[in-house]
Amino acid sequence: MGDKREYHIKRIEGALKRRVRGINHQVEYLERLTKKINEEKNSFIKQDKLNRYCKEEEGLKKMKDELDLFINIKVPNYLKRNKVDYSIHMIKTI
């Protein structure tokens, strides 16, 4: 029984690490983007460029919401379906 639990925990760890790594890259990109926007606000900036930056920022917020959904709903459902004992604290510490 322990092997089954370990297997599922490893699968979830891998999925979470991949998602977090992707979001970390996006956060770094957003920080560079924000810096660029602040620099360009002082100078003349084209409206379409500013709109594009804002859309990218909205996309990142959507990614964060998807990660929260994954951690709070999809992972517990997966564990219940596979009859694995878990706690939400365990999931969040992965």
N, C-alpha and C. Protein backbone atom coordinates (compact mmCIF):
# COMPACT_ATOMS: atom_id res chain seq x y z
N MET A 1 0.83 -1.20 0.00
CA MET A 1 0.00 0.00 0.00
C MET A 1 0.87 1.25 0.00
N GLY A 2 1.99 1.18 0.70
CA GLY A 2 2.89 2.33 0.76
C GLY A 2 3.45 2.68 -0.60
N ASP A 3 3.71 1.65 -1.41
CA ASP A 3 4.26 1.89 -2.74
C ASP A 3 3.29 2.68 -3.61
N LYS A 4 2.01 2.34 -3.49
CA LYS A 4 0.98 3.04 -4.28
C LYS A 4 0.94 4.52 -3.90
N ARG A 5 0.97 4.76 -2.58
CA ARG A 5 0.92 6.14 -2.10
C ARG A 5 2.16 6.91 -2.57
N GLU A 6 3.32 6.30 -2.44
CA GLU A 6 4.57 6.94 -2.87
C GLU A 6 4.53 7.26 -4.36
N TYR A 7 4.01 6.32 -5.14
CA TYR A 7 3.91 6.51 -6.59
C TYR A 7 3.07 7.74 -6.92
N HIS A 8 1.90 7.84 -6.28
CA HIS A 8 1.02 8.97 -6.56
C HIS A 8 1.62 10.28 -6.08
N ILE A 9 2.29 10.25 -4.95
CA ILE A 9 2.93 11.47 -4.45
C ILE A 9 4.02 11.92 -5.41
N LYS A 10 4.81 10.98 -5.94
CA LYS A 10 5.87 11.33 -6.90
C LYS A 10 5.26 11.93 -8.17
N ARG A 11 4.15 11.36 -8.63
CA ARG A 11 3.49 11.91 -9.83
C ARG A 11 3.04 13.34 -9.60
N ILE A 12 2.43 13.58 -8.43
CA ILE A 12 1.94 14.92 -8.12
C ILE A 12 3.10 15.89 -7.95
N GLU A 13 4.17 15.43 -7.29
CA GLU A 13 5.36 16.29 -7.14
C GLU A 13 5.88 16.73 -8.49
N GLY A 14 5.99 15.79 -9.42
CA GLY A 14 6.49 16.11 -10.75
C GLY A 14 5.60 17.11 -11.46
N ALA A 15 4.29 16.89 -11.38
CA ALA A 15 3.35 17.80 -12.04
C ALA A 15 3.42 19.19 -11.43
N LEU A 16 3.47 19.26 -10.10
CA LEU A 16 3.54 20.57 -9.44
C LEU A 16 4.84 21.28 -9.77
N LYS A 17 5.95 20.54 -9.76
CA LYS A 17 7.25 21.16 -10.06
C LYS A 17 7.27 21.72 -11.47
N ARG A 18 6.70 20.98 -12.43
CA ARG A 18 6.66 21.48 -13.80
C ARG A 18 5.82 22.75 -13.89
N ARG A 19 4.67 22.74 -13.24
CA ARG A 19 3.80 23.92 -13.29
C ARG A 19 4.46 25.11 -12.59
N VAL A 20 5.05 24.87 -11.43
CA VAL A 20 5.69 25.96 -10.69
C VAL A 20 6.87 26.52 -11.47
N ARG A 21 7.66 25.64 -12.09
CA ARG A 21 8.80 26.10 -12.89
C ARG A 21 8.33 26.99 -14.03
N GLY A 22 7.25 26.58 -14.69
CA GLY A 22 6.70 27.39 -15.78
C GLY A 22 6.22 28.74 -15.28
N ILE A 23 5.56 28.74 -14.13
CA ILE A 23 5.07 30.00 -13.58
C ILE A 23 6.22 30.87 -13.11
N ASN A 24 7.27 30.28 -12.55
CA ASN A 24 8.43 31.07 -12.14
C ASN A 24 9.06 31.78 -13.34
N HIS A 25 9.16 31.07 -14.47
CA HIS A 25 9.68 31.71 -15.68
C HIS A 25 8.78 32.87 -16.08
N GLN A 26 7.48 32.67 -15.99
CA GLN A 26 6.54 33.72 -16.36
C GLN A 26 6.63 34.90 -15.40
N VAL A 27 6.84 34.63 -14.11
CA VAL A 27 6.95 35.71 -13.13
C VAL A 27 8.20 36.54 -13.40
N GLU A 28 9.31 35.87 -13.71
CA GLU A 28 10.54 36.60 -14.05
C GLU A 28 10.30 37.48 -15.27
N TYR A 29 9.60 36.92 -16.25
CA TYR A 29 9.29 37.67 -17.46
C TYR A 29 8.41 38.87 -17.12
N LEU A 30 7.42 38.65 -16.24
CA LEU A 30 6.52 39.74 -15.85
C LEU A 30 7.29 40.85 -15.13
N GLU A 31 8.26 40.48 -14.30
CA GLU A 31 9.06 41.49 -13.60
C GLU A 31 9.85 42.32 -14.60
N ARG A 32 10.45 41.65 -15.60
CA ARG A 32 11.19 42.40 -16.63
C ARG A 32 10.23 43.29 -17.41
N LEU A 33 9.05 42.75 -17.69
CA LEU A 33 8.04 43.49 -18.45
C LEU A 33 7.58 44.72 -17.68
N THR A 34 7.35 44.55 -16.38
CA THR A 34 6.91 45.67 -15.54
C THR A 34 7.97 46.76 -15.51
N LYS A 35 9.22 46.34 -15.39
CA LYS A 35 10.33 47.30 -15.39
C LYS A 35 10.35 48.07 -16.71
N LYS A 36 10.17 47.33 -17.80
CA LYS A 36 10.18 47.94 -19.13
C LYS A 36 9.02 48.92 -19.29
N ILE A 37 7.83 48.52 -18.79
CA ILE A 37 6.66 49.40 -18.88
C ILE A 37 6.92 50.69 -18.11
N ASN A 38 7.47 50.56 -16.89
CA ASN A 38 7.74 51.74 -16.08
C ASN A 38 8.75 52.66 -16.75
N GLU A 39 9.76 52.07 -17.40
CA GLU A 39 10.74 52.89 -18.11
C GLU A 39 10.09 53.59 -19.30
N GLU A 40 9.25 52.84 -20.01
CA GLU A 40 8.66 53.41 -21.22
C GLU A 40 7.51 54.37 -20.93
N LYS A 41 6.94 54.30 -19.72
CA LYS A 41 5.89 55.25 -19.37
C LYS A 41 6.47 56.66 -19.32
N ASN A 42 7.73 56.73 -18.89
CA ASN A 42 8.39 58.03 -18.81
C ASN A 42 8.65 58.59 -20.20
N SER A 43 8.91 57.70 -21.14
CA SER A 43 9.12 58.15 -22.51
C SER A 43 7.83 57.93 -23.30
N PHE A 44 7.85 58.27 -24.56
CA PHE A 44 6.68 58.08 -25.41
C PHE A 44 6.50 56.58 -25.67
N ILE A 45 5.30 56.08 -25.44
CA ILE A 45 5.03 54.65 -25.67
C ILE A 45 3.82 54.51 -26.58
N LYS A 46 3.92 53.57 -27.47
CA LYS A 46 2.80 53.32 -28.38
C LYS A 46 1.69 52.59 -27.63
N GLN A 47 0.46 52.96 -27.93
CA GLN A 47 -0.69 52.37 -27.22
C GLN A 47 -0.80 50.86 -27.45
N ASP A 48 -0.54 50.39 -28.67
CA ASP A 48 -0.67 48.95 -28.93
C ASP A 48 0.36 48.14 -28.14
N LYS A 49 1.55 48.72 -27.93
CA LYS A 49 2.58 48.03 -27.15
C LYS A 49 2.14 47.91 -25.69
N LEU A 50 1.57 48.97 -25.16
CA LEU A 50 1.08 48.96 -23.79
C LEU A 50 -0.06 47.96 -23.64
N ASN A 51 -0.94 47.90 -24.63
CA ASN A 51 -2.05 46.93 -24.60
C ASN A 51 -1.52 45.50 -24.59
N ARG A 52 -0.48 45.24 -25.38
CA ARG A 52 0.10 43.90 -25.43
C ARG A 52 0.68 43.52 -24.06
N TYR A 53 1.38 44.45 -23.42
CA TYR A 53 1.93 44.18 -22.10
C TYR A 53 0.82 43.85 -21.11
N CYS A 54 -0.27 44.59 -21.17
CA CYS A 54 -1.39 44.37 -20.24
C CYS A 54 -2.03 43.00 -20.47
N LYS A 55 -2.14 42.59 -21.73
CA LYS A 55 -2.71 41.27 -22.03
C LYS A 55 -1.82 40.16 -21.48
N GLU A 56 -0.50 40.33 -21.59
CA GLU A 56 0.42 39.32 -21.07
C GLU A 56 0.31 39.23 -19.55
N GLU A 57 0.12 40.37 -18.91
CA GLU A 57 -0.04 40.38 -17.45
C GLU A 57 -1.32 39.65 -17.05
N GLU A 58 -2.41 39.86 -17.81
CA GLU A 58 -3.67 39.16 -17.53
C GLU A 58 -3.49 37.66 -17.71
N GLY A 59 -2.71 37.26 -18.71
CA GLY A 59 -2.45 35.84 -18.95
C GLY A 59 -1.74 35.20 -17.77
N LEU A 60 -0.80 35.94 -17.16
CA LEU A 60 -0.08 35.41 -16.01
C LEU A 60 -1.00 35.25 -14.80
N LYS A 61 -1.91 36.20 -14.63
CA LYS A 61 -2.87 36.07 -13.52
C LYS A 61 -3.74 34.84 -13.72
N LYS A 62 -4.11 34.58 -14.97
CA LYS A 62 -4.92 33.40 -15.29
C LYS A 62 -4.13 32.12 -14.98
N MET A 63 -2.82 32.11 -15.30
CA MET A 63 -1.98 30.94 -15.00
C MET A 63 -1.92 30.69 -13.49
N LYS A 64 -1.83 31.75 -12.70
CA LYS A 64 -1.78 31.60 -11.24
C LYS A 64 -3.09 31.00 -10.75
N ASP A 65 -4.22 31.47 -11.29
CA ASP A 65 -5.52 30.91 -10.91
C ASP A 65 -5.60 29.43 -11.27
N GLU A 66 -5.05 29.06 -12.43
CA GLU A 66 -5.06 27.65 -12.84
C GLU A 66 -4.22 26.81 -11.89
N LEU A 67 -3.10 27.35 -11.42
CA LEU A 67 -2.26 26.61 -10.47
C LEU A 67 -3.00 26.41 -9.15
N ASP A 68 -3.68 27.47 -8.68
CA ASP A 68 -4.47 27.34 -7.45
C ASP A 68 -5.54 26.28 -7.61
N LEU A 69 -6.22 26.27 -8.75
CA LEU A 69 -7.24 25.27 -9.04
C LEU A 69 -6.63 23.87 -9.02
N PHE A 70 -5.47 23.74 -9.63
CA PHE A 70 -4.77 22.44 -9.69
C PHE A 70 -4.46 21.94 -8.28
N ILE A 71 -3.91 22.82 -7.44
CA ILE A 71 -3.50 22.42 -6.09
C ILE A 71 -4.71 22.14 -5.20
N ASN A 72 -5.73 23.00 -5.28
CA ASN A 72 -6.84 22.90 -4.34
C ASN A 72 -7.95 21.95 -4.76
N ILE A 73 -8.08 21.65 -6.06
CA ILE A 73 -9.19 20.82 -6.52
C ILE A 73 -8.72 19.57 -7.26
N LYS A 74 -7.91 19.74 -8.28
CA LYS A 74 -7.54 18.59 -9.11
C LYS A 74 -6.70 17.57 -8.37
N VAL A 75 -5.71 18.03 -7.60
CA VAL A 75 -4.85 17.08 -6.87
C VAL A 75 -5.65 16.30 -5.83
N PRO A 76 -6.46 16.96 -4.97
CA PRO A 76 -7.26 16.17 -4.01
C PRO A 76 -8.22 15.19 -4.70
N ASN A 77 -8.83 15.60 -5.81
CA ASN A 77 -9.73 14.69 -6.53
C ASN A 77 -8.96 13.49 -7.06
N TYR A 78 -7.77 13.72 -7.59
CA TYR A 78 -6.92 12.64 -8.10
C TYR A 78 -6.59 11.66 -6.97
N LEU A 79 -6.24 12.21 -5.82
CA LEU A 79 -5.87 11.36 -4.69
C LEU A 79 -7.07 10.55 -4.19
N LYS A 80 -8.25 11.18 -4.10
CA LYS A 80 -9.45 10.46 -3.67
C LYS A 80 -9.77 9.34 -4.64
N ARG A 81 -9.68 9.63 -5.92
CA ARG A 81 -9.99 8.64 -6.95
C ARG A 81 -9.07 7.43 -6.83
N ASN A 82 -7.82 7.68 -6.46
CA ASN A 82 -6.85 6.59 -6.33
C ASN A 82 -6.71 6.07 -4.90
N LYS A 83 -7.65 6.50 -4.04
CA LYS A 83 -7.70 6.04 -2.65
C LYS A 83 -6.37 6.21 -1.92
N VAL A 84 -5.83 7.42 -2.00
CA VAL A 84 -4.56 7.72 -1.33
C VAL A 84 -4.85 8.66 -0.16
N ASP A 85 -4.31 8.33 1.03
CA ASP A 85 -4.47 9.21 2.18
C ASP A 85 -3.57 10.43 1.99
N TYR A 86 -4.09 11.60 2.31
CA TYR A 86 -3.30 12.82 2.12
C TYR A 86 -3.85 13.91 3.04
N SER A 87 -3.12 15.00 3.11
CA SER A 87 -3.62 16.20 3.77
C SER A 87 -3.30 17.38 2.86
N ILE A 88 -4.11 18.42 2.92
CA ILE A 88 -3.88 19.60 2.08
C ILE A 88 -2.52 20.19 2.40
N HIS A 89 -2.12 20.16 3.68
CA HIS A 89 -0.82 20.70 4.07
C HIS A 89 0.30 19.96 3.33
N MET A 90 0.15 18.63 3.21
CA MET A 90 1.16 17.83 2.50
C MET A 90 1.26 18.28 1.05
N ILE A 91 0.12 18.54 0.42
CA ILE A 91 0.12 18.94 -0.99
C ILE A 91 0.81 20.29 -1.15
N LYS A 92 0.52 21.22 -0.26
CA LYS A 92 1.07 22.57 -0.39
C LYS A 92 2.56 22.61 -0.08
N THR A 93 3.08 21.62 0.66
CA THR A 93 4.51 21.63 0.97
C THR A 93 5.34 20.95 -0.10
N ILE A 94 4.70 20.30 -1.07
CA ILE A 94 5.45 19.64 -2.15
C ILE A 94 6.11 20.66 -2.96
